[in-house]
Amino acid sequence: MDEPVVLVVDDSPTVRKIVQLTLQREHIRVVTAGDGLSALAAVNDEQPDLILLDIMLPRMDGYNICQIIRKNMSFKDIPIIMLSGKDGLFDKMRGKLAGSSEYMTKPFDSAELVQVVKRYLDSVPVRERAAMRARQQQQQRPRRRMMY
């Protein structure tokens, strides 16, 4: 199986880089976005296996992004882990109502992040999505002609 793909959406370049380096050590391909509109474009272009989504973003907040993704039949089953500096019950409930799979509070421990990400990446729906993406990529590759 190809490397799983995780989309990291955060307006902080530092957070994006730390998460990217952490996950790449686990052989996970990471795509990043710094705002809501770029995140939606990346979901469409990359078809990630999992999304790490900050709540406070420029141009569109994480709650709205999550709701948009959940309404799209092609992407509604992608696990979305919301990341936030807010630890209140209201914020966690709002994330759940928007459609998040899980809620993690920043700052988070790298080992905890890897554990949560791997738990979702090892799920059957995510493995099926990755296999389907690999088949699509295989079909799109130009075939070499054999010269006799």
C-alpha atoms as a PDB file:
ATOM      1  CA  MET A   1       0.000   0.000   0.000  1.00  0.00           C
ATOM      2  CA  ASP A   2       1.165   3.538  -0.737  1.00  0.00           C
ATOM      3  CA  GLU A   3       1.893   5.931   2.073  1.00  0.00           C
ATOM      4  CA  PRO A   4      -1.254   7.249   3.731  1.00  0.00           C
ATOM      5  CA  VAL A   5      -1.992  10.923   3.126  1.00  0.00           C
ATOM      6  CA  VAL A   6      -2.772  13.350   5.948  1.00  0.00           C
ATOM      7  CA  LEU A   7      -3.883  16.926   5.340  1.00  0.00           C
ATOM      8  CA  VAL A   8      -2.689  19.314   8.061  1.00  0.00           C
ATOM      9  CA  VAL A   9      -4.645  22.572   8.154  1.00  0.00           C
ATOM     10  CA  ASP A  10      -3.296  25.225  10.507  1.00  0.00           C
ATOM     11  CA  ASP A  11      -2.569  28.919  10.105  1.00  0.00           C
ATOM     12  CA  SER A  12       0.676  28.544  12.052  1.00  0.00           C
ATOM     13  CA  PRO A  13       3.622  27.564   9.829  1.00  0.00           C
ATOM     14  CA  THR A  14       5.398  26.279  12.954  1.00  0.00           C
ATOM     15  CA  VAL A  15       2.566  23.909  13.891  1.00  0.00           C
ATOM     16  CA  ARG A  16       2.279  22.700  10.292  1.00  0.00           C
ATOM     17  CA  LYS A  17       6.015  21.992  10.149  1.00  0.00           C
ATOM     18  CA  ILE A  18       6.157  20.191  13.510  1.00  0.00           C
ATOM     19  CA  VAL A  19       3.199  17.981  12.622  1.00  0.00           C
ATOM     20  CA  GLN A  20       4.605  17.354   9.147  1.00  0.00           C
ATOM     21  CA  LEU A  21       8.011  16.254  10.457  1.00  0.00           C
ATOM     22  CA  THR A  22       6.415  14.104  13.167  1.00  0.00           C
ATOM     23  CA  LEU A  23       4.169  12.254  10.735  1.00  0.00           C
ATOM     24  CA  GLN A  24       6.773  11.915   7.996  1.00  0.00           C
ATOM     25  CA  ARG A  25       8.944   9.972  10.447  1.00  0.00           C
ATOM     26  CA  GLU A  26       6.050   7.498  10.550  1.00  0.00           C
ATOM     27  CA  HIS A  27       6.058   7.158   6.726  1.00  0.00           C
ATOM     28  CA  ILE A  28       2.953   9.275   6.309  1.00  0.00           C
ATOM     29  CA  ARG A  29       2.740  11.693   3.386  1.00  0.00           C
ATOM     30  CA  VAL A  30       1.700  15.121   4.642  1.00  0.00           C
ATOM     31  CA  VAL A  31      -0.023  17.857   2.664  1.00  0.00           C
ATOM     32  CA  THR A  32      -0.474  21.236   4.344  1.00  0.00           C
ATOM     33  CA  ALA A  33      -2.807  24.212   4.051  1.00  0.00           C
ATOM     34  CA  GLY A  34      -2.760  27.504   5.920  1.00  0.00           C
ATOM     35  CA  ASP A  35      -6.371  28.635   5.504  1.00  0.00           C
ATOM     36  CA  GLY A  36      -9.864  27.308   4.913  1.00  0.00           C
ATOM     37  CA  LEU A  37     -10.122  27.783   1.174  1.00  0.00           C
ATOM     38  CA  SER A  38      -6.719  26.179   0.563  1.00  0.00           C
ATOM     39  CA  ALA A  39      -7.840  23.298   2.786  1.00  0.00           C
ATOM     40  CA  LEU A  40     -10.945  22.635   0.695  1.00  0.00           C
ATOM     41  CA  ALA A  41      -8.881  22.725  -2.493  1.00  0.00           C
ATOM     42  CA  ALA A  42      -6.383  20.267  -0.975  1.00  0.00           C
ATOM     43  CA  VAL A  43      -9.178  17.888   0.065  1.00  0.00           C
ATOM     44  CA  ASN A  44     -10.419  17.847  -3.512  1.00  0.00           C
ATOM     45  CA  ASP A  45      -6.965  17.536  -5.098  1.00  0.00           C
ATOM     46  CA  GLU A  46      -5.282  15.127  -2.673  1.00  0.00           C
ATOM     47  CA  GLN A  47      -8.210  13.082  -1.323  1.00  0.00           C
ATOM     48  CA  PRO A  48      -6.466  12.627   2.041  1.00  0.00           C
ATOM     49  CA  ASP A  49      -6.994   9.648   4.312  1.00  0.00           C
ATOM     50  CA  LEU A  50      -7.240  11.900   7.379  1.00  0.00           C
ATOM     51  CA  ILE A  51      -7.487  15.619   8.121  1.00  0.00           C
ATOM     52  CA  LEU A  52      -5.958  17.458  11.083  1.00  0.00           C
ATOM     53  CA  LEU A  53      -7.978  20.665  11.193  1.00  0.00           C
ATOM     54  CA  ASP A  54      -7.336  23.757  13.287  1.00  0.00           C
ATOM     55  CA  ILE A  55     -10.473  25.623  14.336  1.00  0.00           C
ATOM     56  CA  MET A  56      -9.242  29.218  14.148  1.00  0.00           C
ATOM     57  CA  LEU A  57      -8.272  29.840  10.530  1.00  0.00           C
ATOM     58  CA  PRO A  58      -8.287  32.827   8.179  1.00  0.00           C
ATOM     59  CA  ARG A  59     -11.013  33.057   5.518  1.00  0.00           C
ATOM     60  CA  MET A  60     -13.119  30.208   6.975  1.00  0.00           C
ATOM     61  CA  ASP A  61     -13.060  28.504  10.363  1.00  0.00           C
ATOM     62  CA  GLY A  62     -12.539  24.804  10.980  1.00  0.00           C
ATOM     63  CA  TYR A  63     -16.172  24.212  11.947  1.00  0.00           C
ATOM     64  CA  ASN A  64     -17.378  25.433   8.528  1.00  0.00           C
ATOM     65  CA  ILE A  65     -14.724  23.451   6.689  1.00  0.00           C
ATOM     66  CA  CYS A  66     -15.713  20.315   8.578  1.00  0.00           C
ATOM     67  CA  GLN A  67     -19.397  20.816   7.735  1.00  0.00           C
ATOM     68  CA  ILE A  68     -18.624  21.347   4.033  1.00  0.00           C
ATOM     69  CA  ILE A  69     -16.519  18.174   3.882  1.00  0.00           C
ATOM     70  CA  ARG A  70     -19.224  16.159   5.651  1.00  0.00           C
ATOM     71  CA  LYS A  71     -21.838  17.280   3.093  1.00  0.00           C
ATOM     72  CA  ASN A  72     -19.749  16.027   0.152  1.00  0.00           C
ATOM     73  CA  MET A  73     -20.494  12.354  -0.568  1.00  0.00           C
ATOM     74  CA  SER A  74     -16.962  11.745  -1.866  1.00  0.00           C
ATOM     75  CA  PHE A  75     -15.291  12.987   1.300  1.00  0.00           C
ATOM     76  CA  LYS A  76     -17.858  12.567   4.089  1.00  0.00           C
ATOM     77  CA  ASP A  77     -16.107   9.511   5.578  1.00  0.00           C
ATOM     78  CA  ILE A  78     -12.636  11.064   5.922  1.00  0.00           C
ATOM     79  CA  PRO A  79     -11.714  11.177   9.621  1.00  0.00           C
ATOM     80  CA  ILE A  80     -11.341  14.777  10.786  1.00  0.00           C
ATOM     81  CA  ILE A  81      -9.413  15.503  13.976  1.00  0.00           C
ATOM     82  CA  MET A  82     -10.002  19.054  15.128  1.00  0.00           C
ATOM     83  CA  LEU A  83      -7.079  20.841  16.763  1.00  0.00           C
ATOM     84  CA  SER A  84      -7.639  23.768  19.071  1.00  0.00           C
ATOM     85  CA  GLY A  85      -6.108  25.751  21.869  1.00  0.00           C
ATOM     86  CA  LYS A  86      -9.557  25.803  23.476  1.00  0.00           C
ATOM     87  CA  ASP A  87     -10.266  23.024  25.943  1.00  0.00           C
ATOM     88  CA  GLY A  88     -13.857  23.834  26.899  1.00  0.00           C
ATOM     89  CA  LEU A  89     -16.763  21.408  26.736  1.00  0.00           C
ATOM     90  CA  PHE A  90     -18.669  23.826  24.489  1.00  0.00           C
ATOM     91  CA  ASP A  91     -15.835  23.844  21.938  1.00  0.00           C
ATOM     92  CA  LYS A  92     -15.595  20.051  21.926  1.00  0.00           C
ATOM     93  CA  MET A  93     -19.360  19.703  21.466  1.00  0.00           C
ATOM     94  CA  ARG A  94     -19.364  22.265  18.659  1.00  0.00           C
ATOM     95  CA  GLY A  95     -16.617  20.258  16.930  1.00  0.00           C
ATOM     96  CA  LYS A  96     -18.636  17.059  17.292  1.00  0.00           C
ATOM     97  CA  LEU A  97     -21.764  18.757  15.942  1.00  0.00           C
ATOM     98  CA  ALA A  98     -19.770  20.020  12.940  1.00  0.00           C
ATOM     99  CA  GLY A  99     -18.811  16.414  12.200  1.00  0.00           C
ATOM    100  CA  SER A 100     -15.342  15.963  13.674  1.00  0.00           C
ATOM    101  CA  SER A 101     -14.172  12.460  14.507  1.00  0.00           C
ATOM    102  CA  GLU A 102     -12.041  13.605  17.415  1.00  0.00           C
ATOM    103  CA  TYR A 103     -10.874  16.757  19.187  1.00  0.00           C
ATOM    104  CA  MET A 104      -7.315  17.362  20.380  1.00  0.00           C
ATOM    105  CA  THR A 105      -6.191  20.327  22.442  1.00  0.00           C
ATOM    106  CA  LYS A 106      -2.982  22.197  21.563  1.00  0.00           C
ATOM    107  CA  PRO A 107      -0.286  21.923  22.620  1.00  0.00           C
ATOM    108  CA  PHE A 108      -0.327  18.162  22.193  1.00  0.00           C
ATOM    109  CA  ASP A 109       2.309  15.527  22.723  1.00  0.00           C
ATOM    110  CA  SER A 110       3.865  14.201  19.486  1.00  0.00           C
ATOM    111  CA  ALA A 111       3.513  10.586  20.634  1.00  0.00           C
ATOM    112  CA  GLU A 112      -0.174  11.147  21.406  1.00  0.00           C
ATOM    113  CA  LEU A 113      -0.706  12.712  17.972  1.00  0.00           C
ATOM    114  CA  VAL A 114       0.960   9.767  16.223  1.00  0.00           C
ATOM    115  CA  GLN A 115      -1.096   7.291  18.254  1.00  0.00           C
ATOM    116  CA  VAL A 116      -4.403   8.988  17.377  1.00  0.00           C
ATOM    117  CA  VAL A 117      -3.485   9.400  13.696  1.00  0.00           C
ATOM    118  CA  LYS A 118      -2.401   5.768  13.354  1.00  0.00           C
ATOM    119  CA  ARG A 119      -5.571   4.541  15.040  1.00  0.00           C
ATOM    120  CA  TYR A 120      -7.634   6.219  12.325  1.00  0.00           C
ATOM    121  CA  LEU A 121      -5.281   5.291   9.480  1.00  0.00           C
ATOM    122  CA  ASP A 122      -5.477   1.627  10.495  1.00  0.00           C
ATOM    123  CA  SER A 123      -9.277   1.596  10.246  1.00  0.00           C
ATOM    124  CA  VAL A 124     -10.931  -0.385   7.448  1.00  0.00           C
ATOM    125  CA  PRO A 125     -12.630   2.606   5.716  1.00  0.00           C
ATOM    126  CA  VAL A 126      -9.343   4.510   5.542  1.00  0.00           C
ATOM    127  CA  ARG A 127      -7.443   1.495   4.169  1.00  0.00           C
ATOM    128  CA  GLU A 128     -10.158   1.010   1.527  1.00  0.00           C
ATOM    129  CA  ARG A 129      -9.933   4.703   0.555  1.00  0.00           C
ATOM    130  CA  ALA A 130      -6.140   4.446   0.228  1.00  0.00           C
ATOM    131  CA  ALA A 131      -6.423   1.307  -1.908  1.00  0.00           C
ATOM    132  CA  MET A 132      -8.981   2.997  -4.176  1.00  0.00           C
ATOM    133  CA  ARG A 133      -6.727   6.069  -4.540  1.00  0.00           C
ATOM    134  CA  ALA A 134      -3.772   3.811  -5.421  1.00  0.00           C
ATOM    135  CA  ARG A 135      -5.857   2.048  -8.108  1.00  0.00           C
ATOM    136  CA  GLN A 136      -6.914   5.403  -9.569  1.00  0.00           C
ATOM    137  CA  GLN A 137      -3.317   6.606  -9.670  1.00  0.00           C
ATOM    138  CA  GLN A 138      -2.247   3.357 -11.328  1.00  0.00           C
ATOM    139  CA  GLN A 139      -4.898   3.789 -14.021  1.00  0.00           C
ATOM    140  CA  GLN A 140      -3.819   7.382 -14.665  1.00  0.00           C
ATOM    141  CA  ARG A 141      -0.161   6.542 -15.195  1.00  0.00           C
ATOM    142  CA  PRO A 142       0.819   6.470 -18.846  1.00  0.00           C
ATOM    143  CA  ARG A 143       1.620   2.995 -20.012  1.00  0.00           C
ATOM    144  CA  ARG A 144       4.929   2.357 -21.660  1.00  0.00           C
ATOM    145  CA  ARG A 145       4.809   0.878 -25.081  1.00  0.00           C
ATOM    146  CA  MET A 146       6.954  -2.112 -25.636  1.00  0.00           C
ATOM    147  CA  MET A 147       9.290  -1.771 -28.581  1.00  0.00           C
ATOM    148  CA  TYR A 148       9.950  -4.987 -30.474  1.00  0.00           C
END
